[in-house]
């Protein structure tokens, strides 16, 4: 039987969340993270990441600098950027009454799940609104074998800076 993801965010929204989490690792004055390092750190293609970062930049969530020493950093403190900000920058408005089953033909008043789906969608939306990238910053802990180290993107950028 195939797996079913009940709650679904677009691939682009997930790339945005992971990219912002990497950028949240650095201080406001940390070196810019080059796109190539960022895409490698989160396992996204350069092209897909580029499109996502463009949208995040237009939404005012990241600052972008072009050129050989260019890259990305957060436009605001990580504590002021929520997961909901990231998802909405990519996928548009998230309504707290969304249905994960996406059945436009359903009459909510007659939903076979009762009020449970709507209650959970409101809880998820509130979680996304309350969860900031400051809270999502990776703790300094030992990584499991094979686990990607997002911090390497920031470290790689720092090594390229002139001494």
C-alpha atoms as a PDB file:
ATOM      1  CA  UNK A   1       0.000   0.000   0.000  1.00  0.00           C
ATOM      2  CA  UNK A   2       1.458   3.402  -0.938  1.00  0.00           C
ATOM      3  CA  UNK A   3       2.266   5.912   1.766  1.00  0.00           C
ATOM      4  CA  UNK A   4      -0.006   8.927   2.171  1.00  0.00           C
ATOM      5  CA  UNK A   5       1.134  12.248   3.558  1.00  0.00           C
ATOM      6  CA  UNK A   6      -1.972  13.664   5.193  1.00  0.00           C
ATOM      7  CA  UNK A   7      -0.528  17.125   5.690  1.00  0.00           C
ATOM      8  CA  UNK A   8       1.189  18.276   2.538  1.00  0.00           C
ATOM      9  CA  UNK A   9       3.391  21.291   1.910  1.00  0.00           C
ATOM     10  CA  UNK A  10       4.862  21.901  -1.519  1.00  0.00           C
ATOM     11  CA  UNK A  11       8.454  20.899  -2.143  1.00  0.00           C
ATOM     12  CA  UNK A  12       9.234  24.587  -2.597  1.00  0.00           C
ATOM     13  CA  UNK A  13       7.787  25.445   0.842  1.00  0.00           C
ATOM     14  CA  UNK A  14       9.875  22.699   2.440  1.00  0.00           C
ATOM     15  CA  UNK A  15      12.993  23.990   0.686  1.00  0.00           C
ATOM     16  CA  UNK A  16      12.168  27.474   2.009  1.00  0.00           C
ATOM     17  CA  UNK A  17      11.788  26.214   5.581  1.00  0.00           C
ATOM     18  CA  UNK A  18      15.055  24.290   5.459  1.00  0.00           C
ATOM     19  CA  UNK A  19      16.947  27.143   3.787  1.00  0.00           C
ATOM     20  CA  UNK A  20      15.702  29.637   6.381  1.00  0.00           C
ATOM     21  CA  UNK A  21      16.701  27.231   9.160  1.00  0.00           C
ATOM     22  CA  UNK A  22      20.256  27.142   7.768  1.00  0.00           C
ATOM     23  CA  UNK A  23      20.371  30.929   7.498  1.00  0.00           C
ATOM     24  CA  UNK A  24      19.027  31.243  11.053  1.00  0.00           C
ATOM     25  CA  UNK A  25      22.155  29.471  12.290  1.00  0.00           C
ATOM     26  CA  UNK A  26      24.272  32.547  11.624  1.00  0.00           C
ATOM     27  CA  UNK A  27      24.423  35.836  13.460  1.00  0.00           C
ATOM     28  CA  UNK A  28      23.123  38.973  11.758  1.00  0.00           C
ATOM     29  CA  UNK A  29      26.689  39.878  10.762  1.00  0.00           C
ATOM     30  CA  UNK A  30      27.624  36.325   9.683  1.00  0.00           C
ATOM     31  CA  UNK A  31      28.984  35.857   6.159  1.00  0.00           C
ATOM     32  CA  UNK A  32      26.504  35.431   3.344  1.00  0.00           C
ATOM     33  CA  UNK A  33      25.736  31.813   2.501  1.00  0.00           C
ATOM     34  CA  UNK A  34      26.320  31.162  -1.213  1.00  0.00           C
ATOM     35  CA  UNK A  35      23.450  29.514  -3.081  1.00  0.00           C
ATOM     36  CA  UNK A  36      25.607  26.513  -4.027  1.00  0.00           C
ATOM     37  CA  UNK A  37      26.495  25.848  -0.373  1.00  0.00           C
ATOM     38  CA  UNK A  38      22.898  26.327   0.687  1.00  0.00           C
ATOM     39  CA  UNK A  39      21.540  23.920  -1.922  1.00  0.00           C
ATOM     40  CA  UNK A  40      24.168  21.326  -0.978  1.00  0.00           C
ATOM     41  CA  UNK A  41      23.392  21.717   2.730  1.00  0.00           C
ATOM     42  CA  UNK A  42      19.681  21.038   2.302  1.00  0.00           C
ATOM     43  CA  UNK A  43      19.855  18.601  -0.610  1.00  0.00           C
ATOM     44  CA  UNK A  44      17.977  20.780  -3.094  1.00  0.00           C
ATOM     45  CA  UNK A  45      18.813  21.390  -6.744  1.00  0.00           C
ATOM     46  CA  UNK A  46      20.483  24.713  -7.509  1.00  0.00           C
ATOM     47  CA  UNK A  47      17.647  25.672  -9.867  1.00  0.00           C
ATOM     48  CA  UNK A  48      14.828  24.880  -7.440  1.00  0.00           C
ATOM     49  CA  UNK A  49      16.611  26.644  -4.588  1.00  0.00           C
ATOM     50  CA  UNK A  50      17.184  29.697  -6.787  1.00  0.00           C
ATOM     51  CA  UNK A  51      13.466  30.033  -7.532  1.00  0.00           C
ATOM     52  CA  UNK A  52      12.560  29.584  -3.869  1.00  0.00           C
ATOM     53  CA  UNK A  53      15.136  32.123  -2.696  1.00  0.00           C
ATOM     54  CA  UNK A  54      13.839  34.644  -5.243  1.00  0.00           C
ATOM     55  CA  UNK A  55      10.379  34.371  -3.711  1.00  0.00           C
ATOM     56  CA  UNK A  56      11.749  34.621  -0.177  1.00  0.00           C
ATOM     57  CA  UNK A  57      13.676  37.731  -1.205  1.00  0.00           C
ATOM     58  CA  UNK A  58      10.607  39.338  -2.804  1.00  0.00           C
ATOM     59  CA  UNK A  59       8.662  38.542   0.372  1.00  0.00           C
ATOM     60  CA  UNK A  60      11.258  40.354   2.480  1.00  0.00           C
ATOM     61  CA  UNK A  61      12.408  37.275   4.387  1.00  0.00           C
ATOM     62  CA  UNK A  62      15.954  37.105   2.995  1.00  0.00           C
ATOM     63  CA  UNK A  63      18.501  39.529   1.640  1.00  0.00           C
ATOM     64  CA  UNK A  64      20.339  38.523  -1.488  1.00  0.00           C
ATOM     65  CA  UNK A  65      23.645  39.747  -2.882  1.00  0.00           C
ATOM     66  CA  UNK A  66      24.749  38.788  -6.378  1.00  0.00           C
ATOM     67  CA  UNK A  67      28.270  38.152  -7.549  1.00  0.00           C
ATOM     68  CA  UNK A  68      31.229  35.962  -6.646  1.00  0.00           C
ATOM     69  CA  UNK A  69      31.061  36.891  -2.957  1.00  0.00           C
ATOM     70  CA  UNK A  70      27.259  36.946  -2.945  1.00  0.00           C
ATOM     71  CA  UNK A  71      24.773  34.804  -1.134  1.00  0.00           C
ATOM     72  CA  UNK A  72      21.893  34.996   1.282  1.00  0.00           C
ATOM     73  CA  UNK A  73      21.142  36.000   4.844  1.00  0.00           C
ATOM     74  CA  UNK A  74      17.962  36.612   6.805  1.00  0.00           C
ATOM     75  CA  UNK A  75      16.385  40.041   6.268  1.00  0.00           C
ATOM     76  CA  UNK A  76      15.099  40.159   9.855  1.00  0.00           C
ATOM     77  CA  UNK A  77      16.057  38.487  13.120  1.00  0.00           C
ATOM     78  CA  UNK A  78      15.202  34.768  13.118  1.00  0.00           C
ATOM     79  CA  UNK A  79      12.854  35.341  16.067  1.00  0.00           C
ATOM     80  CA  UNK A  80      10.710  37.568  13.827  1.00  0.00           C
ATOM     81  CA  UNK A  81      10.268  35.050  10.995  1.00  0.00           C
ATOM     82  CA  UNK A  82       7.734  32.266  11.492  1.00  0.00           C
ATOM     83  CA  UNK A  83       7.319  29.008   9.647  1.00  0.00           C
ATOM     84  CA  UNK A  84       3.969  30.387   8.490  1.00  0.00           C
ATOM     85  CA  UNK A  85       5.770  33.373   6.924  1.00  0.00           C
ATOM     86  CA  UNK A  86       7.926  30.943   4.940  1.00  0.00           C
ATOM     87  CA  UNK A  87       5.065  28.726   3.786  1.00  0.00           C
ATOM     88  CA  UNK A  88       2.902  31.688   2.784  1.00  0.00           C
ATOM     89  CA  UNK A  89       5.779  33.347   0.904  1.00  0.00           C
ATOM     90  CA  UNK A  90       5.921  30.265  -1.303  1.00  0.00           C
ATOM     91  CA  UNK A  91       2.443  28.703  -1.352  1.00  0.00           C
ATOM     92  CA  UNK A  92       0.231  31.696  -0.612  1.00  0.00           C
ATOM     93  CA  UNK A  93      -2.129  32.213   2.285  1.00  0.00           C
ATOM     94  CA  UNK A  94      -2.690  29.271   4.608  1.00  0.00           C
ATOM     95  CA  UNK A  95      -6.222  29.353   5.900  1.00  0.00           C
ATOM     96  CA  UNK A  96      -6.700  27.877   9.365  1.00  0.00           C
ATOM     97  CA  UNK A  97      -9.614  25.849   8.021  1.00  0.00           C
ATOM     98  CA  UNK A  98      -7.767  24.077   5.203  1.00  0.00           C
ATOM     99  CA  UNK A  99      -8.637  20.452   4.542  1.00  0.00           C
ATOM    100  CA  UNK A 100      -5.648  18.152   4.010  1.00  0.00           C
ATOM    101  CA  UNK A 101      -7.820  15.943   1.817  1.00  0.00           C
ATOM    102  CA  UNK A 102      -8.411  18.859  -0.595  1.00  0.00           C
ATOM    103  CA  UNK A 103     -11.906  17.877  -1.567  1.00  0.00           C
ATOM    104  CA  UNK A 104     -13.591  20.953  -2.972  1.00  0.00           C
ATOM    105  CA  UNK A 105     -16.827  19.030  -3.312  1.00  0.00           C
ATOM    106  CA  UNK A 106     -17.213  18.467   0.430  1.00  0.00           C
ATOM    107  CA  UNK A 107     -19.732  20.372   2.485  1.00  0.00           C
ATOM    108  CA  UNK A 108     -17.908  21.167   5.715  1.00  0.00           C
ATOM    109  CA  UNK A 109     -21.139  21.018   7.673  1.00  0.00           C
ATOM    110  CA  UNK A 110     -21.479  17.384   6.635  1.00  0.00           C
ATOM    111  CA  UNK A 111     -17.841  16.345   7.014  1.00  0.00           C
ATOM    112  CA  UNK A 112     -17.528  12.695   7.978  1.00  0.00           C
ATOM    113  CA  UNK A 113     -14.637  13.640  10.270  1.00  0.00           C
ATOM    114  CA  UNK A 114     -16.791  16.077  12.211  1.00  0.00           C
ATOM    115  CA  UNK A 115     -14.954  19.099  13.593  1.00  0.00           C
ATOM    116  CA  UNK A 116     -11.686  17.211  14.149  1.00  0.00           C
ATOM    117  CA  UNK A 117     -10.016  18.052  10.840  1.00  0.00           C
ATOM    118  CA  UNK A 118     -10.821  21.745  11.185  1.00  0.00           C
ATOM    119  CA  UNK A 119      -9.616  21.773  14.805  1.00  0.00           C
ATOM    120  CA  UNK A 120      -6.317  20.160  13.836  1.00  0.00           C
ATOM    121  CA  UNK A 121      -5.832  22.470  10.867  1.00  0.00           C
ATOM    122  CA  UNK A 122      -6.295  25.460  13.179  1.00  0.00           C
ATOM    123  CA  UNK A 123      -3.753  23.958  15.608  1.00  0.00           C
ATOM    124  CA  UNK A 124      -1.246  23.371  12.804  1.00  0.00           C
ATOM    125  CA  UNK A 125      -1.700  26.895  11.476  1.00  0.00           C
ATOM    126  CA  UNK A 126      -1.182  28.320  14.962  1.00  0.00           C
ATOM    127  CA  UNK A 127       1.929  26.169  15.424  1.00  0.00           C
ATOM    128  CA  UNK A 128       3.349  27.463  12.124  1.00  0.00           C
ATOM    129  CA  UNK A 129       2.578  31.041  13.210  1.00  0.00           C
ATOM    130  CA  UNK A 130       4.188  30.601  16.654  1.00  0.00           C
ATOM    131  CA  UNK A 131       7.262  28.616  15.575  1.00  0.00           C
ATOM    132  CA  UNK A 132      10.084  30.942  14.599  1.00  0.00           C
ATOM    133  CA  UNK A 133      13.402  30.223  13.011  1.00  0.00           C
ATOM    134  CA  UNK A 134      15.146  31.237  16.221  1.00  0.00           C
ATOM    135  CA  UNK A 135      13.487  28.234  17.864  1.00  0.00           C
ATOM    136  CA  UNK A 136      14.327  26.066  14.864  1.00  0.00           C
ATOM    137  CA  UNK A 137      18.060  26.777  14.817  1.00  0.00           C
ATOM    138  CA  UNK A 138      19.984  23.545  14.986  1.00  0.00           C
ATOM    139  CA  UNK A 139      21.343  22.755  18.421  1.00  0.00           C
ATOM    140  CA  UNK A 140      25.063  22.133  18.676  1.00  0.00           C
ATOM    141  CA  UNK A 141      24.902  18.383  19.069  1.00  0.00           C
ATOM    142  CA  UNK A 142      26.637  15.329  17.700  1.00  0.00           C
ATOM    143  CA  UNK A 143      25.117  14.320  14.383  1.00  0.00           C
ATOM    144  CA  UNK A 144      24.099  10.775  13.563  1.00  0.00           C
ATOM    145  CA  UNK A 145      26.075   8.992  10.801  1.00  0.00           C
ATOM    146  CA  UNK A 146      24.778  10.155   7.408  1.00  0.00           C
ATOM    147  CA  UNK A 147      22.769  13.037   8.888  1.00  0.00           C
ATOM    148  CA  UNK A 148      23.319  16.229   6.859  1.00  0.00           C
ATOM    149  CA  UNK A 149      25.174  18.980   8.657  1.00  0.00           C
ATOM    150  CA  UNK A 150      23.534  22.250   7.642  1.00  0.00           C
ATOM    151  CA  UNK A 151      26.147  24.180   9.589  1.00  0.00           C
ATOM    152  CA  UNK A 152      28.683  23.232   6.917  1.00  0.00           C
ATOM    153  CA  UNK A 153      27.126  25.762   4.506  1.00  0.00           C
ATOM    154  CA  UNK A 154      27.808  28.627   6.909  1.00  0.00           C
ATOM    155  CA  UNK A 155      31.315  27.320   7.735  1.00  0.00           C
ATOM    156  CA  UNK A 156      32.121  26.979   4.034  1.00  0.00           C
ATOM    157  CA  UNK A 157      31.064  30.588   3.434  1.00  0.00           C
ATOM    158  CA  UNK A 158      33.195  31.812   6.352  1.00  0.00           C
ATOM    159  CA  UNK A 159      36.295  30.053   5.005  1.00  0.00           C
ATOM    160  CA  UNK A 160      36.061  32.006   1.740  1.00  0.00           C
ATOM    161  CA  UNK A 161      36.256  35.370   3.474  1.00  0.00           C
ATOM    162  CA  UNK A 162      39.568  37.211   3.207  1.00  0.00           C
ATOM    163  CA  UNK A 163      41.555  37.098   6.433  1.00  0.00           C
END
